[in-house]
Amino acid sequence: MGIIRKTMSVSTLGLVSFRSKKERLRRAEADVLKTAAELSSEQLARAQADERVAVAERRAHLAELQALHEAKVAAKQGRRAAKAKSTRGSRRKRKAAEQAVRGSIDGIVAAVQPVVEEGAKQARKHGRDAGRRGREAGRRGRAAARKAAKAAERAAAKAKDRIDA
């Protein structure tokens, strides 16, 4: 079927097109479908990355709330201890205990924050890459479809001219 066209293309040094308009249209449609599938997979990947970022941010927020609660409980216990004993020595102990609690809370927050930030950073990067790949695939598919449509229009015009002549 296509052997004659391909032979003519080689023998006329490209004057006759190598691929028929049906074949070009089939290839363009396949490219468009492939591009649409790639775009939907990229959008899914971006949505999943956004979900992971939201979960990480929620965990960080909960950790921060828990740390604030622990600080409030520690301060309340410190005030109770101050009422029980108001000597200078117990005040120093209370201050030292409060500092220790604040240090542990700061340690917890400091330990959680890099993990959350790294997860958010990776999710943003993957989302950005997915969007870029989707846009590029869309451009390629649209260009192939335009090219095939123009070729089909030219072929139709030639066929019409042959029929009219």
C-alpha atoms as a PDB file:
ATOM      1  CA  MET A   1       0.000   0.000   0.000  1.00  0.00           C
ATOM      2  CA  GLY A   2       2.633   2.556   1.005  1.00  0.00           C
ATOM      3  CA  ILE A   3       5.490   0.951  -0.900  1.00  0.00           C
ATOM      4  CA  ILE A   4       4.605   2.762  -4.126  1.00  0.00           C
ATOM      5  CA  ARG A   5       4.464   6.155  -2.351  1.00  0.00           C
ATOM      6  CA  LYS A   6       7.734   5.517  -0.560  1.00  0.00           C
ATOM      7  CA  THR A   7       9.426   4.396  -3.763  1.00  0.00           C
ATOM      8  CA  MET A   8       8.159   7.519  -5.539  1.00  0.00           C
ATOM      9  CA  SER A   9       9.419   9.689  -2.694  1.00  0.00           C
ATOM     10  CA  VAL A  10      12.910   8.205  -2.918  1.00  0.00           C
ATOM     11  CA  SER A  11      13.023   8.278  -6.709  1.00  0.00           C
ATOM     12  CA  THR A  12      11.812  11.893  -6.950  1.00  0.00           C
ATOM     13  CA  LEU A  13      14.205  13.015  -4.192  1.00  0.00           C
ATOM     14  CA  GLY A  14      11.365  14.044  -1.887  1.00  0.00           C
ATOM     15  CA  LEU A  15       9.139  15.749  -4.433  1.00  0.00           C
ATOM     16  CA  VAL A  16       6.408  13.253  -3.619  1.00  0.00           C
ATOM     17  CA  SER A  17       5.670  13.132   0.095  1.00  0.00           C
ATOM     18  CA  PHE A  18       6.985  10.084   1.957  1.00  0.00           C
ATOM     19  CA  ARG A  19       3.845   9.697   4.088  1.00  0.00           C
ATOM     20  CA  SER A  20       0.258   9.903   2.924  1.00  0.00           C
ATOM     21  CA  LYS A  21      -2.136  12.358   4.499  1.00  0.00           C
ATOM     22  CA  LYS A  22      -3.944   9.513   6.275  1.00  0.00           C
ATOM     23  CA  GLU A  23      -0.681   8.342   7.780  1.00  0.00           C
ATOM     24  CA  ARG A  24       0.257  11.887   8.861  1.00  0.00           C
ATOM     25  CA  LEU A  25      -3.170  12.371  10.415  1.00  0.00           C
ATOM     26  CA  ARG A  26      -2.932   9.032  12.246  1.00  0.00           C
ATOM     27  CA  ARG A  27       0.492   9.982  13.604  1.00  0.00           C
ATOM     28  CA  ALA A  28      -0.719  13.440  14.671  1.00  0.00           C
ATOM     29  CA  GLU A  29      -3.780  11.973  16.409  1.00  0.00           C
ATOM     30  CA  ALA A  30      -1.579   9.436  18.182  1.00  0.00           C
ATOM     31  CA  ASP A  31       0.728  12.262  19.304  1.00  0.00           C
ATOM     32  CA  VAL A  32      -2.220  14.259  20.611  1.00  0.00           C
ATOM     33  CA  LEU A  33      -3.542  11.252  22.557  1.00  0.00           C
ATOM     34  CA  LYS A  34      -0.089  10.521  23.941  1.00  0.00           C
ATOM     35  CA  THR A  35       0.329  14.157  24.964  1.00  0.00           C
ATOM     36  CA  ALA A  36      -3.059  14.179  26.672  1.00  0.00           C
ATOM     37  CA  ALA A  37      -2.135  11.026  28.602  1.00  0.00           C
ATOM     38  CA  GLU A  38       1.204  12.540  29.650  1.00  0.00           C
ATOM     39  CA  LEU A  39      -0.502  15.751  30.722  1.00  0.00           C
ATOM     40  CA  SER A  40      -3.056  13.898  32.843  1.00  0.00           C
ATOM     41  CA  SER A  41      -0.313  11.830  34.503  1.00  0.00           C
ATOM     42  CA  GLU A  42       1.670  15.000  35.225  1.00  0.00           C
ATOM     43  CA  GLN A  43      -1.428  16.629  36.715  1.00  0.00           C
ATOM     44  CA  LEU A  44      -1.981  13.563  38.884  1.00  0.00           C
ATOM     45  CA  ALA A  45       1.639  13.675  40.060  1.00  0.00           C
ATOM     46  CA  ARG A  46       1.275  17.360  40.915  1.00  0.00           C
ATOM     47  CA  ALA A  47      -1.946  16.703  42.850  1.00  0.00           C
ATOM     48  CA  GLN A  48      -0.251  13.915  44.811  1.00  0.00           C
ATOM     49  CA  ALA A  49       2.720  16.159  45.590  1.00  0.00           C
ATOM     50  CA  ASP A  50       0.360  18.902  46.779  1.00  0.00           C
ATOM     51  CA  GLU A  51      -1.389  16.379  49.019  1.00  0.00           C
ATOM     52  CA  ARG A  52       1.937  15.302  50.530  1.00  0.00           C
ATOM     53  CA  VAL A  53       2.827  18.936  51.214  1.00  0.00           C
ATOM     54  CA  ALA A  54      -0.542  19.508  52.894  1.00  0.00           C
ATOM     55  CA  VAL A  55      -0.072  16.435  55.098  1.00  0.00           C
ATOM     56  CA  ALA A  56       3.446  17.532  56.077  1.00  0.00           C
ATOM     57  CA  GLU A  57       2.254  21.046  56.886  1.00  0.00           C
ATOM     58  CA  ARG A  58      -0.601  19.625  58.976  1.00  0.00           C
ATOM     59  CA  ARG A  59       1.843  17.435  60.901  1.00  0.00           C
ATOM     60  CA  ALA A  60       4.138  20.402  61.518  1.00  0.00           C
ATOM     61  CA  HIS A  61       1.205  22.494  62.732  1.00  0.00           C
ATOM     62  CA  LEU A  62       0.096  19.745  65.101  1.00  0.00           C
ATOM     63  CA  ALA A  63       3.651  19.384  66.417  1.00  0.00           C
ATOM     64  CA  GLU A  64       3.810  23.120  67.010  1.00  0.00           C
ATOM     65  CA  LEU A  65       0.475  23.067  68.849  1.00  0.00           C
ATOM     66  CA  GLN A  66       1.663  20.179  70.979  1.00  0.00           C
ATOM     67  CA  ALA A  67       4.864  22.054  71.814  1.00  0.00           C
ATOM     68  CA  LEU A  68       2.873  25.130  72.820  1.00  0.00           C
ATOM     69  CA  HIS A  69       0.641  22.981  75.003  1.00  0.00           C
ATOM     70  CA  GLU A  70       3.652  21.405  76.688  1.00  0.00           C
ATOM     71  CA  ALA A  71       5.103  24.857  77.314  1.00  0.00           C
ATOM     72  CA  LYS A  72       1.818  26.007  78.842  1.00  0.00           C
ATOM     73  CA  VAL A  73       1.683  22.955  81.120  1.00  0.00           C
ATOM     74  CA  ALA A  74       5.307  23.473  82.139  1.00  0.00           C
ATOM     75  CA  ALA A  75       4.659  27.139  82.924  1.00  0.00           C
ATOM     76  CA  LYS A  76       1.606  26.206  84.987  1.00  0.00           C
ATOM     77  CA  GLN A  77       3.614  23.647  86.956  1.00  0.00           C
ATOM     78  CA  GLY A  78       6.349  26.251  87.449  1.00  0.00           C
ATOM     79  CA  ARG A  79       3.816  28.701  88.909  1.00  0.00           C
ATOM     80  CA  ARG A  80       2.484  26.033  91.293  1.00  0.00           C
ATOM     81  CA  ALA A  81       5.996  25.259  92.448  1.00  0.00           C
ATOM     82  CA  ALA A  82       6.645  28.972  92.978  1.00  0.00           C
ATOM     83  CA  LYS A  83       3.571  29.270  95.216  1.00  0.00           C
ATOM     84  CA  ALA A  84       4.657  26.285  97.267  1.00  0.00           C
ATOM     85  CA  LYS A  85       8.165  27.611  97.829  1.00  0.00           C
ATOM     86  CA  SER A  86       9.155  31.154  97.256  1.00  0.00           C
ATOM     87  CA  THR A  87      12.774  30.933  98.266  1.00  0.00           C
ATOM     88  CA  ARG A  88      15.526  32.156  95.999  1.00  0.00           C
ATOM     89  CA  GLY A  89      16.924  28.633  95.480  1.00  0.00           C
ATOM     90  CA  SER A  90      13.610  27.187  94.263  1.00  0.00           C
ATOM     91  CA  ARG A  91      13.186  30.132  91.894  1.00  0.00           C
ATOM     92  CA  ARG A  92      16.513  29.262  90.290  1.00  0.00           C
ATOM     93  CA  LYS A  93      15.458  25.633  90.004  1.00  0.00           C
ATOM     94  CA  ARG A  94      12.140  26.661  88.471  1.00  0.00           C
ATOM     95  CA  LYS A  95      13.869  28.925  85.954  1.00  0.00           C
ATOM     96  CA  ALA A  96      16.280  26.108  85.085  1.00  0.00           C
ATOM     97  CA  ALA A  97      13.352  23.693  84.651  1.00  0.00           C
ATOM     98  CA  GLU A  98      11.528  26.195  82.434  1.00  0.00           C
ATOM     99  CA  GLN A  99      14.651  26.672  80.342  1.00  0.00           C
ATOM    100  CA  ALA A 100      15.007  22.906  80.001  1.00  0.00           C
ATOM    101  CA  VAL A 101      11.381  22.572  78.870  1.00  0.00           C
ATOM    102  CA  ARG A 102      11.747  25.449  76.411  1.00  0.00           C
ATOM    103  CA  GLY A 103      14.950  23.894  75.104  1.00  0.00           C
ATOM    104  CA  SER A 104      13.264  20.537  74.558  1.00  0.00           C
ATOM    105  CA  ILE A 105      10.325  22.201  72.815  1.00  0.00           C
ATOM    106  CA  ASP A 106      12.665  24.210  70.634  1.00  0.00           C
ATOM    107  CA  GLY A 107      14.511  20.978  69.893  1.00  0.00           C
ATOM    108  CA  ILE A 108      11.305  19.245  68.822  1.00  0.00           C
ATOM    109  CA  VAL A 109      10.298  22.135  66.577  1.00  0.00           C
ATOM    110  CA  ALA A 110      13.815  22.379  65.159  1.00  0.00           C
ATOM    111  CA  ALA A 111      13.841  18.634  64.441  1.00  0.00           C
ATOM    112  CA  VAL A 112      10.465  18.648  62.678  1.00  0.00           C
ATOM    113  CA  GLN A 113      10.878  21.834  60.661  1.00  0.00           C
ATOM    114  CA  PRO A 114      13.683  20.686  58.281  1.00  0.00           C
ATOM    115  CA  VAL A 115      11.768  17.520  57.423  1.00  0.00           C
ATOM    116  CA  VAL A 116       8.639  19.476  56.580  1.00  0.00           C
ATOM    117  CA  GLU A 117      10.545  22.107  54.628  1.00  0.00           C
ATOM    118  CA  GLU A 118      12.443  19.461  52.659  1.00  0.00           C
ATOM    119  CA  GLY A 119       9.198  17.629  51.838  1.00  0.00           C
ATOM    120  CA  ALA A 120       7.558  20.855  50.724  1.00  0.00           C
ATOM    121  CA  LYS A 121      10.625  21.776  48.663  1.00  0.00           C
ATOM    122  CA  GLN A 122      10.644  18.402  46.914  1.00  0.00           C
ATOM    123  CA  ALA A 123       6.905  18.560  46.277  1.00  0.00           C
ATOM    124  CA  ARG A 124       7.238  22.027  44.751  1.00  0.00           C
ATOM    125  CA  LYS A 125      10.123  20.841  42.572  1.00  0.00           C
ATOM    126  CA  HIS A 126       8.249  17.761  41.370  1.00  0.00           C
ATOM    127  CA  GLY A 127       5.126  19.809  40.689  1.00  0.00           C
ATOM    128  CA  ARG A 128       7.123  22.406  38.764  1.00  0.00           C
ATOM    129  CA  ASP A 129       8.861  19.690  36.711  1.00  0.00           C
ATOM    130  CA  ALA A 130       5.573  17.914  36.038  1.00  0.00           C
ATOM    131  CA  GLY A 131       3.976  21.139  34.849  1.00  0.00           C
ATOM    132  CA  ARG A 132       6.927  21.908  32.587  1.00  0.00           C
ATOM    133  CA  ARG A 133       6.859  18.435  31.023  1.00  0.00           C
ATOM    134  CA  GLY A 134       3.100  18.686  30.507  1.00  0.00           C
ATOM    135  CA  ARG A 135       3.362  22.088  28.855  1.00  0.00           C
ATOM    136  CA  GLU A 136       6.154  20.865  26.568  1.00  0.00           C
ATOM    137  CA  ALA A 137       4.203  17.751  25.604  1.00  0.00           C
ATOM    138  CA  GLY A 138       1.129  19.891  24.928  1.00  0.00           C
ATOM    139  CA  ARG A 139       3.130  22.212  22.694  1.00  0.00           C
ATOM    140  CA  ARG A 140       4.562  19.289  20.744  1.00  0.00           C
ATOM    141  CA  GLY A 141       1.136  17.713  20.313  1.00  0.00           C
ATOM    142  CA  ARG A 142      -0.499  20.960  19.197  1.00  0.00           C
ATOM    143  CA  ALA A 143       2.330  21.613  16.718  1.00  0.00           C
ATOM    144  CA  ALA A 144       2.006  18.112  15.267  1.00  0.00           C
ATOM    145  CA  ALA A 145      -1.767  18.508  14.984  1.00  0.00           C
ATOM    146  CA  ARG A 146      -1.414  21.895  13.250  1.00  0.00           C
ATOM    147  CA  LYS A 147       1.161  20.483  10.847  1.00  0.00           C
ATOM    148  CA  ALA A 148      -1.049  17.493  10.006  1.00  0.00           C
ATOM    149  CA  ALA A 149      -4.100  19.720   9.553  1.00  0.00           C
ATOM    150  CA  LYS A 150      -2.220  22.023   7.154  1.00  0.00           C
ATOM    151  CA  ALA A 151      -0.934  19.053   5.191  1.00  0.00           C
ATOM    152  CA  ALA A 152      -4.437  17.617   4.987  1.00  0.00           C
ATOM    153  CA  GLU A 153      -5.809  20.982   3.790  1.00  0.00           C
ATOM    154  CA  ARG A 154      -3.126  21.191   1.099  1.00  0.00           C
ATOM    155  CA  ALA A 155      -3.847  17.636   0.003  1.00  0.00           C
ATOM    156  CA  ALA A 156      -7.575  18.358  -0.099  1.00  0.00           C
ATOM    157  CA  ALA A 157      -6.970  21.493  -2.174  1.00  0.00           C
ATOM    158  CA  LYS A 158      -4.817  19.518  -4.627  1.00  0.00           C
ATOM    159  CA  ALA A 159      -7.467  16.803  -4.855  1.00  0.00           C
ATOM    160  CA  LYS A 160     -10.130  19.445  -5.510  1.00  0.00           C
ATOM    161  CA  ASP A 161      -7.981  21.020  -8.221  1.00  0.00           C
ATOM    162  CA  ARG A 162      -7.567  17.623  -9.869  1.00  0.00           C
ATOM    163  CA  ILE A 163     -11.301  16.997  -9.735  1.00  0.00           C
ATOM    164  CA  ASP A 164     -12.089  20.464 -11.140  1.00  0.00           C
ATOM    165  CA  ALA A 165      -9.567  20.082 -13.957  1.00  0.00           C
END
